[in-house]
Amino acid sequence: MMSINSMNQQNASLCNENGEGCSIRLNDNYSLLKPSYLFSDIARRVEVFRKENPDARIIRLGIGDVTLPLVPAVVEALHRAADEQADRKTFRGYGPEQGYDFLREAIAENIFTKRGCEIYPDEIFVSDGAKSDTGNFTDILARDLRVLVTDPVYPVYVDSNIMAGRADRLVLAPCTEENGFVPALPKEPVDLIYLCYPNNPTGTVLRRNELQKWVDYALSTGALILFDAAYQAYIRSTDVPRSIYEIPGARRCAVEFHSFSKTAGFTGLRCGYTVVPRDVEGLCADGTCRPLRDLWLRRQTTKFNGTPYIVQRAAEAIFTEEGAQQVQETIDYYLGNAALMRKALTAAGYKVYGGEDSPYLWLRTPEGMDSWTFFEMMLRRYHIVCTPGEGFGAAGRNFVRLTAFGSREECEEALARIQQ
């Protein structure tokens, strides 16, 4: 009997001969993507080095996964919810696709109402994370939109729009040392704007007056802002808004994405949420306007079965007095790493940006060295993994991203290696 792998290989060879044997048409937009995702490429290179150097102690300061465990309040909530699932009286099956009311109400009260933002529970949609939602949200938007992304940029914004057929509709807004990593308003009309602040990968922020300019632009042109606030919990500066809804007028032109991944260590649990105010509307082909909230609700109830009940109970625990204090201690720990790295690397002669209101640092490579060359040097000389800035766009060619999510001990050891 022929194996499945052998059959696939035979079918592939048939398809390669003038297309004969192929019957299923593919989404050709995928052929426009880079062959591999940035972090997959990094993992491959590190694995090659590890096999060549099995005794090397590799310190990973590249991919932004967290290292501290879930805080006690979250773990206790997980256990309680799991016990509920073991009891017929409290067992829960399918939940609401947009999230349970207990979590949506806690988010509305603690993240928005306490900061003076007018956001209501039924405008909040709980999901498995900001990455999924930022990639999926354009499902409800027209295909021919002109899309502005910053350069450098979180790859998902670009790749998801290429997959959707907008490869030739992308407009880049460079964020460089010269403009203080603050993107300029577009000179040509755009329909959709991606902003991520505190920024991934540069770790830089937008001040209140700078974000106001983007909201004013969107209101005057009819553009929609997709604002990724995944790292808002790391903000310490008083003139940096944690939500775009702190800016007057944003309820009419912005959708906001949040994540519990880096806030509370949910990279493995998976939980986040998207805010779609009722005031944000879009134009239908018949000339009428419809709230994006209603379309996103329709999309989610069709393609998403909801975040698990036990995960939502764990997320709810973040907003208790005990949970909030514990999560804050975790964030302070990572910010302490960032401050340590920023100080030591600056003293070593590097130009470093970010790392103050963000867990990310954006380090300029030595003169004349591109980011992948610097990556290889750091890996082979110091056994340290960083993230090449070129993977985030052309403007990152002479930068690398470092993260503060490692342990304090590994952070100190990595810096000691560099200083030696």
Protein backbone atom coordinates (compact mmCIF):
# COMPACT_ATOMS: atom_id res chain seq x y z
CA MET A 1 0.00 0.00 0.00
CA MET A 2 1.30 3.46 -0.90
CA SER A 3 1.90 5.76 2.10
CA ILE A 4 0.19 9.14 2.41
CA ASN A 5 3.56 10.90 2.08
CA SER A 6 4.33 8.96 -1.09
CA MET A 7 0.91 9.82 -2.51
CA ASN A 8 1.45 13.51 -1.72
CA GLN A 9 4.86 13.47 -3.40
CA GLN A 10 3.40 11.77 -6.47
CA ASN A 11 0.52 14.24 -6.63
CA ALA A 12 2.95 17.14 -6.29
CA SER A 13 5.02 15.86 -9.19
CA LEU A 14 1.89 15.52 -11.31
CA CYS A 15 0.88 19.08 -10.50
CA ASN A 16 4.30 20.36 -11.45
CA GLU A 17 3.95 19.13 -15.01
CA ASN A 18 2.11 21.97 -16.76
CA GLY A 19 -0.40 22.10 -13.93
CA GLU A 20 -1.97 18.78 -14.92
CA GLY A 21 -3.57 16.97 -12.02
CA CYS A 22 -4.39 20.21 -10.13
CA SER A 23 -8.06 20.92 -9.61
CA ILE A 24 -8.22 23.06 -6.46
CA ARG A 25 -7.47 26.72 -7.05
CA LEU A 26 -5.37 28.32 -4.35
CA ASN A 27 -5.28 31.80 -2.83
CA ASP A 28 -2.34 33.13 -4.85
CA ASN A 29 -1.86 35.96 -2.37
CA TYR A 30 0.00 33.47 -0.17
CA SER A 31 2.68 33.21 -2.84
CA LEU A 32 3.43 36.90 -2.23
CA LEU A 33 4.41 36.25 1.38
CA LYS A 34 7.98 35.70 2.50
CA PRO A 35 8.83 31.97 2.58
CA SER A 36 8.87 31.83 6.39
CA TYR A 37 7.65 33.84 9.35
CA LEU A 38 10.37 35.94 11.02
CA PHE A 39 10.41 34.01 14.29
CA SER A 40 10.41 30.67 12.49
CA ASP A 41 13.55 31.76 10.63
CA ILE A 42 15.20 32.79 13.91
CA ALA A 43 14.29 29.46 15.52
CA ARG A 44 15.79 27.57 12.58
CA ARG A 45 19.09 29.46 12.78
CA VAL A 46 19.31 29.01 16.54
CA GLU A 47 18.64 25.29 16.21
CA VAL A 48 21.43 24.92 13.66
CA PHE A 49 23.82 26.73 16.02
CA ARG A 50 22.70 24.61 18.98
CA LYS A 51 23.42 21.36 17.14
CA GLU A 52 26.84 22.66 16.13
CA ASN A 53 27.55 23.86 19.68
CA PRO A 54 25.72 21.52 22.06
CA ASP A 55 27.55 22.86 25.13
CA ALA A 56 26.72 26.52 24.48
CA ARG A 57 24.42 28.16 27.05
CA ILE A 58 22.07 30.19 24.86
CA ILE A 59 20.25 33.17 26.35
CA ARG A 60 17.16 34.23 24.41
CA LEU A 61 16.50 37.95 24.39
CA GLY A 62 14.67 37.84 21.07
CA ILE A 63 11.19 36.34 20.85
CA GLY A 64 8.92 38.09 23.33
CA ASP A 65 7.58 35.19 25.37
CA VAL A 66 7.25 35.69 29.10
CA THR A 67 9.18 33.64 31.68
CA LEU A 68 7.52 34.36 35.05
CA PRO A 69 4.67 31.99 36.01
CA LEU A 70 1.04 32.98 36.30
CA VAL A 71 0.35 34.92 39.49
CA PRO A 72 -1.34 33.08 42.41
CA ALA A 73 -4.70 34.85 42.02
CA VAL A 74 -4.93 33.68 38.40
CA VAL A 75 -3.91 30.10 39.24
CA GLU A 76 -6.47 29.94 42.05
CA ALA A 77 -9.18 31.16 39.68
CA LEU A 78 -8.19 28.49 37.16
CA HIS A 79 -8.52 25.79 39.82
CA ARG A 80 -11.91 27.03 40.97
CA ALA A 81 -13.21 27.18 37.41
CA ALA A 82 -11.88 23.71 36.66
CA ASP A 83 -13.65 22.38 39.76
CA GLU A 84 -16.88 23.99 38.52
CA GLN A 85 -16.51 22.06 35.28
CA ALA A 86 -16.30 18.83 37.29
CA ASP A 87 -19.69 19.45 38.94
CA ARG A 88 -22.90 18.88 37.01
CA LYS A 89 -24.57 21.82 38.78
CA THR A 90 -21.90 24.33 37.74
CA PHE A 91 -20.66 22.79 34.49
CA ARG A 92 -20.61 25.13 31.48
CA GLY A 93 -20.49 24.13 27.85
CA TYR A 94 -20.64 26.56 24.95
CA GLY A 95 -20.34 30.14 26.13
CA PRO A 96 -21.17 33.42 24.36
CA GLU A 97 -18.81 33.96 21.44
CA GLN A 98 -18.23 37.58 22.45
CA GLY A 99 -17.28 36.62 26.02
CA TYR A 100 -18.98 36.20 29.38
CA ASP A 101 -20.55 39.29 30.94
CA PHE A 102 -18.50 38.94 34.13
CA LEU A 103 -15.23 39.51 32.23
CA ARG A 104 -16.53 42.15 29.82
CA GLU A 105 -17.93 44.17 32.73
CA ALA A 106 -14.65 43.89 34.65
CA ILE A 107 -12.70 45.09 31.60
CA ALA A 108 -15.05 48.01 30.95
CA GLU A 109 -14.87 49.17 34.57
CA ASN A 110 -11.15 48.72 35.26
CA ILE A 111 -9.52 49.48 31.91
CA PHE A 112 -11.82 52.18 30.56
CA THR A 113 -14.32 53.72 33.01
CA LYS A 114 -11.66 54.34 35.67
CA ARG A 115 -9.64 56.25 33.06
CA GLY A 116 -12.58 58.34 31.92
CA CYS A 117 -13.16 56.42 28.68
CA GLU A 118 -16.71 55.86 27.44
CA ILE A 119 -16.61 52.14 26.62
CA TYR A 120 -19.43 49.71 27.42
CA PRO A 121 -19.36 45.93 28.05
CA ASP A 122 -21.31 45.11 24.88
CA GLU A 123 -18.59 46.86 22.84
CA ILE A 124 -15.94 44.47 24.18
CA PHE A 125 -15.25 41.14 22.45
CA VAL A 126 -13.17 38.55 24.34
CA SER A 127 -10.90 36.42 22.16
CA ASP A 128 -7.79 34.24 22.23
CA GLY A 129 -5.47 37.23 21.78
CA ALA A 130 -4.69 40.45 19.97
CA LYS A 131 -2.67 38.70 17.23
CA SER A 132 -5.73 36.78 16.04
CA ASP A 133 -8.03 39.78 16.13
CA THR A 134 -5.67 42.21 14.37
CA GLY A 135 -5.24 39.59 11.65
CA ASN A 136 -8.94 38.78 11.37
CA PHE A 137 -10.57 42.17 11.72
CA THR A 138 -10.25 43.09 8.05
CA ASP A 139 -12.61 40.19 7.25
CA ILE A 140 -15.43 42.72 7.65
CA LEU A 141 -13.79 45.43 5.51
CA ALA A 142 -13.66 45.95 1.76
CA ARG A 143 -10.81 44.38 -0.17
CA ASP A 144 -9.73 47.53 -2.05
CA LEU A 145 -8.85 49.67 0.98
CA ARG A 146 -5.55 51.54 1.09
CA VAL A 147 -3.75 50.44 4.24
CA LEU A 148 -1.12 52.41 6.15
CA VAL A 149 1.39 50.56 8.34
CA THR A 150 4.44 51.89 10.11
CA ASP A 151 7.94 50.76 9.13
CA PRO A 152 9.18 48.90 11.15
CA VAL A 153 5.95 47.02 11.80
CA TYR A 154 4.58 43.95 13.59
CA PRO A 155 4.56 41.43 10.69
CA VAL A 156 0.97 40.26 11.22
CA TYR A 157 -0.46 43.59 10.05
CA VAL A 158 1.30 43.30 6.70
CA ASP A 159 0.98 39.56 6.14
CA SER A 160 -2.73 39.40 6.93
CA ASN A 161 -3.46 42.17 4.43
CA ILE A 162 -1.34 40.45 1.78
CA MET A 163 -3.34 37.27 2.39
CA ALA A 164 -6.53 39.30 1.90
CA GLY A 165 -5.37 40.65 -1.47
CA ARG A 166 -4.08 44.09 -0.46
CA ALA A 167 -0.38 43.63 -1.28
CA ASP A 168 -0.51 46.52 -3.75
CA ARG A 169 -2.57 48.69 -1.39
CA LEU A 170 0.00 49.06 1.40
CA VAL A 171 1.43 52.48 2.30
CA LEU A 172 4.49 52.66 4.56
CA ALA A 173 5.05 55.34 7.22
CA PRO A 174 8.75 55.22 8.21
CA CYS A 175 9.63 55.46 11.92
CA THR A 176 13.27 56.43 12.16
CA GLU A 177 15.77 58.13 14.44
CA GLU A 178 15.30 61.27 12.36
CA ASN A 179 11.58 61.58 13.15
CA GLY A 180 11.89 60.26 16.71
CA PHE A 181 10.06 57.07 15.66
CA VAL A 182 6.84 59.07 15.31
CA PRO A 183 5.18 58.35 11.94
CA ALA A 184 4.16 61.30 9.78
CA LEU A 185 0.58 61.68 8.62
CA PRO A 186 0.18 60.29 5.10
CA LYS A 187 0.45 62.61 2.11
CA GLU A 188 -1.77 60.32 0.04
CA PRO A 189 -5.27 59.22 1.09
CA VAL A 190 -5.53 56.00 3.11
CA ASP A 191 -8.56 54.14 4.43
CA LEU A 192 -7.10 51.96 7.18
CA ILE A 193 -4.35 52.85 9.68
CA TYR A 194 -2.48 50.42 11.96
CA LEU A 195 -0.91 51.95 15.05
CA CYS A 196 0.77 49.96 17.84
CA TYR A 197 1.82 51.89 20.95
CA PRO A 198 3.81 51.22 23.04
CA ASN A 199 5.34 50.03 19.81
CA ASN A 200 6.42 46.56 18.87
CA PRO A 201 9.27 46.38 17.89
CA THR A 202 10.81 49.79 18.74
CA GLY A 203 9.49 50.15 22.30
CA THR A 204 8.71 53.82 21.61
CA VAL A 205 5.45 55.62 22.43
CA LEU A 206 3.09 58.28 21.10
CA ARG A 207 2.45 61.26 23.37
CA ARG A 208 -1.09 62.50 23.82
CA ASN A 209 -0.71 65.38 21.35
CA GLU A 210 0.83 63.06 18.76
CA LEU A 211 -2.00 60.54 18.98
CA GLN A 212 -4.55 63.37 18.81
CA LYS A 213 -3.19 64.25 15.35
CA TRP A 214 -3.98 60.75 14.08
CA VAL A 215 -7.49 60.81 15.51
CA ASP A 216 -8.10 64.23 13.95
CA TYR A 217 -6.79 62.93 10.61
CA ALA A 218 -9.08 59.89 10.72
CA LEU A 219 -12.12 62.00 11.58
CA SER A 220 -11.41 64.47 8.78
CA THR A 221 -10.79 61.83 6.10
CA GLY A 222 -13.12 59.01 7.14
CA ALA A 223 -10.24 56.61 7.79
CA LEU A 224 -10.37 53.83 10.39
CA ILE A 225 -7.62 53.38 13.00
CA LEU A 226 -6.81 49.89 14.27
CA PHE A 227 -4.98 50.61 17.52
CA ASP A 228 -2.96 47.80 19.10
CA ALA A 229 -2.66 48.52 22.83
CA ALA A 230 -1.19 45.13 23.80
CA TYR A 231 1.54 46.74 25.94
CA GLN A 232 -0.45 49.54 27.59
CA ALA A 233 0.14 48.13 31.10
CA TYR A 234 3.85 49.02 30.81
CA ILE A 235 3.25 52.75 30.39
CA ARG A 236 4.57 54.94 33.21
CA SER A 237 4.76 58.38 31.58
CA THR A 238 1.74 60.52 32.42
CA ASP A 239 1.54 62.14 28.97
CA VAL A 240 1.29 58.80 27.16
CA PRO A 241 -2.32 57.54 26.81
CA ARG A 242 -2.97 53.89 27.63
CA SER A 243 -5.98 53.80 25.34
CA ILE A 244 -6.82 55.68 22.17
CA TYR A 245 -10.24 56.33 23.72
CA GLU A 246 -8.59 58.83 26.06
CA ILE A 247 -8.37 61.00 22.92
CA PRO A 248 -11.51 63.03 22.09
CA GLY A 249 -13.28 61.74 18.98
CA ALA A 250 -11.67 58.28 18.98
CA ARG A 251 -15.00 56.54 19.64
CA ARG A 252 -16.01 57.49 16.10
CA CYS A 253 -12.90 56.32 14.24
CA ALA A 254 -10.95 53.68 16.18
CA VAL A 255 -11.01 50.00 17.08
CA GLU A 256 -8.66 48.91 19.88
CA PHE A 257 -6.98 45.56 20.58
CA HIS A 258 -5.78 44.33 23.98
CA SER A 259 -3.93 41.26 25.20
CA PHE A 260 -3.36 39.53 28.55
CA SER A 261 -0.27 37.78 27.17
CA LYS A 262 2.44 40.22 28.26
CA THR A 263 0.27 41.90 30.90
CA ALA A 264 -0.39 38.77 32.97
CA GLY A 265 1.63 35.97 31.38
CA PHE A 266 -1.23 34.51 29.31
CA THR A 267 0.97 33.59 26.33
CA GLY A 268 0.04 29.95 26.95
CA LEU A 269 -3.52 30.44 28.22
CA ARG A 270 -4.44 32.76 25.32
CA CYS A 271 -6.85 35.59 26.10
CA GLY A 272 -7.36 39.12 24.84
CA TYR A 273 -10.14 41.39 23.68
CA THR A 274 -11.14 43.86 21.00
CA VAL A 275 -13.12 47.05 21.55
CA VAL A 276 -15.50 48.11 18.77
CA PRO A 277 -17.54 51.19 19.81
CA ARG A 278 -21.04 51.49 18.37
CA ASP A 279 -20.11 54.94 17.03
CA VAL A 280 -17.64 53.49 14.48
CA GLU A 281 -19.49 52.97 11.21
CA GLY A 282 -18.69 51.75 7.72
CA LEU A 283 -20.20 52.36 4.29
CA CYS A 284 -22.23 49.67 2.54
CA ALA A 285 -22.47 49.27 -1.23
CA ASP A 286 -26.03 50.68 -1.18
CA GLY A 287 -24.78 53.91 0.42
CA THR A 288 -26.08 53.17 3.93
CA CYS A 289 -23.87 53.07 7.05
CA ARG A 290 -23.61 50.17 9.48
CA PRO A 291 -21.86 49.92 12.87
CA LEU A 292 -18.68 47.85 12.65
CA ARG A 293 -19.61 46.41 16.02
CA ASP A 294 -22.59 44.58 14.48
CA LEU A 295 -20.48 43.15 11.65
CA TRP A 296 -17.72 42.03 14.01
CA LEU A 297 -20.32 40.35 16.23
CA ARG A 298 -21.68 38.54 13.15
CA ARG A 299 -18.17 37.50 12.13
CA GLN A 300 -17.27 36.19 15.59
CA THR A 301 -20.50 34.27 16.09
CA THR A 302 -19.87 32.56 12.74
CA LYS A 303 -16.14 31.82 12.89
CA PHE A 304 -15.32 31.71 16.62
CA ASN A 305 -16.67 29.55 19.44
CA GLY A 306 -15.48 31.74 22.26
CA THR A 307 -12.61 31.77 24.74
CA PRO A 308 -12.75 28.88 27.28
CA TYR A 309 -14.72 29.55 30.47
CA ILE A 310 -11.82 28.67 32.78
CA VAL A 311 -9.53 31.09 30.89
CA GLN A 312 -12.04 33.92 31.20
CA ARG A 313 -12.34 33.28 34.95
CA ALA A 314 -8.55 33.46 35.15
CA ALA A 315 -8.59 36.77 33.29
CA GLU A 316 -11.28 38.10 35.61
CA ALA A 317 -8.95 37.48 38.58
CA ILE A 318 -6.52 40.06 37.20
CA PHE A 319 -9.00 42.77 38.17
CA THR A 320 -9.35 41.77 41.82
CA GLU A 321 -7.34 43.80 44.33
CA GLU A 322 -5.03 40.87 45.00
CA GLY A 323 -4.66 39.94 41.34
CA ALA A 324 -3.98 43.51 40.23
CA GLN A 325 -1.20 43.88 42.79
CA GLN A 326 0.41 40.58 41.80
CA VAL A 327 0.27 41.39 38.08
CA GLN A 328 1.78 44.81 38.76
CA GLU A 329 4.71 43.16 40.52
CA THR A 330 5.30 41.02 37.42
CA ILE A 331 5.22 44.05 35.14
CA ASP A 332 7.60 45.92 37.45
CA TYR A 333 10.00 42.97 37.31
CA TYR A 334 10.13 43.07 33.51
CA LEU A 335 10.47 46.85 33.47
CA GLY A 336 13.35 46.43 35.91
CA ASN A 337 15.04 44.15 33.38
CA ALA A 338 14.46 46.74 30.67
CA ALA A 339 16.00 49.53 32.77
CA LEU A 340 19.01 47.35 33.55
CA MET A 341 19.53 46.50 29.88
CA ARG A 342 19.07 50.07 28.70
CA LYS A 343 21.60 51.40 31.22
CA ALA A 344 24.25 48.74 30.59
CA LEU A 345 23.99 48.82 26.79
CA THR A 346 24.10 52.61 26.71
CA ALA A 347 27.20 52.51 28.91
CA ALA A 348 28.72 50.01 26.47
CA GLY A 349 28.36 52.57 23.68
CA TYR A 350 25.17 51.38 21.99
CA LYS A 351 22.29 53.63 21.00
CA VAL A 352 19.19 52.24 22.66
CA TYR A 353 15.56 53.32 22.30
CA GLY A 354 12.46 52.15 24.18
CA GLY A 355 12.63 50.15 27.39
CA GLU A 356 11.03 52.88 29.53
CA ASP A 357 7.29 52.58 28.86
CA SER A 358 7.71 49.24 27.15
CA PRO A 359 9.28 45.80 27.57
CA TYR A 360 11.06 46.19 24.20
CA LEU A 361 14.39 47.84 23.44
CA TRP A 362 15.43 48.92 19.95
CA LEU A 363 19.23 48.76 19.67
CA ARG A 364 21.19 50.31 16.83
CA THR A 365 23.77 47.97 15.34
CA PRO A 366 27.42 49.07 15.06
CA GLU A 367 28.20 51.24 12.05
CA GLY A 368 28.02 49.36 8.77
CA MET A 369 26.54 46.15 10.23
CA ASP A 370 23.09 45.03 9.13
CA SER A 371 20.73 43.39 11.60
CA TRP A 372 21.12 39.78 10.43
CA THR A 373 24.91 40.07 10.56
CA PHE A 374 24.64 41.48 14.09
CA PHE A 375 22.24 38.64 14.98
CA GLU A 376 24.79 36.05 13.86
CA MET A 377 27.59 37.83 15.72
CA MET A 378 25.57 37.97 18.96
CA LEU A 379 24.62 34.31 18.64
CA ARG A 380 28.06 32.96 17.78
CA ARG A 381 30.21 35.23 19.93
CA TYR A 382 28.00 35.76 22.98
CA HIS A 383 25.43 32.96 22.58
CA ILE A 384 22.65 35.57 22.84
CA VAL A 385 19.54 35.56 20.64
CA CYS A 386 18.13 38.91 19.51
CA THR A 387 15.56 39.72 16.82
CA PRO A 388 16.87 41.27 13.57
CA GLY A 389 15.10 44.55 12.91
CA GLU A 390 15.05 43.88 9.18
CA GLY A 391 12.38 41.27 9.86
CA PHE A 392 10.05 44.12 10.83
CA GLY A 393 10.68 46.19 7.70
CA ALA A 394 13.35 48.03 5.75
CA ALA A 395 13.60 50.77 8.39
CA GLY A 396 14.83 48.14 10.85
CA ARG A 397 17.84 47.10 8.78
CA ASN A 398 20.34 48.62 11.23
CA PHE A 399 18.53 47.72 14.46
CA VAL A 400 17.75 44.66 16.57
CA ARG A 401 14.95 44.15 19.06
CA LEU A 402 15.68 42.99 22.58
CA THR A 403 13.02 42.02 25.10
CA ALA A 404 12.92 42.28 28.88
CA PHE A 405 10.91 39.08 29.40
CA GLY A 406 13.83 36.90 30.50
CA SER A 407 14.86 36.15 34.05
CA ARG A 408 16.90 38.74 35.94
CA GLU A 409 19.77 36.27 36.23
CA GLU A 410 19.91 35.59 32.47
CA CYS A 411 19.55 39.29 31.74
CA GLU A 412 22.53 40.10 33.96
CA GLU A 413 24.58 37.25 32.49
CA ALA A 414 23.85 38.37 28.92
CA LEU A 415 24.93 41.93 29.72
CA ALA A 416 28.09 40.66 31.41
CA ARG A 417 28.99 38.69 28.27
CA ILE A 418 28.58 41.78 26.10
CA GLN A 419 30.53 44.02 28.48
CA GLN A 420 33.43 41.55 28.55
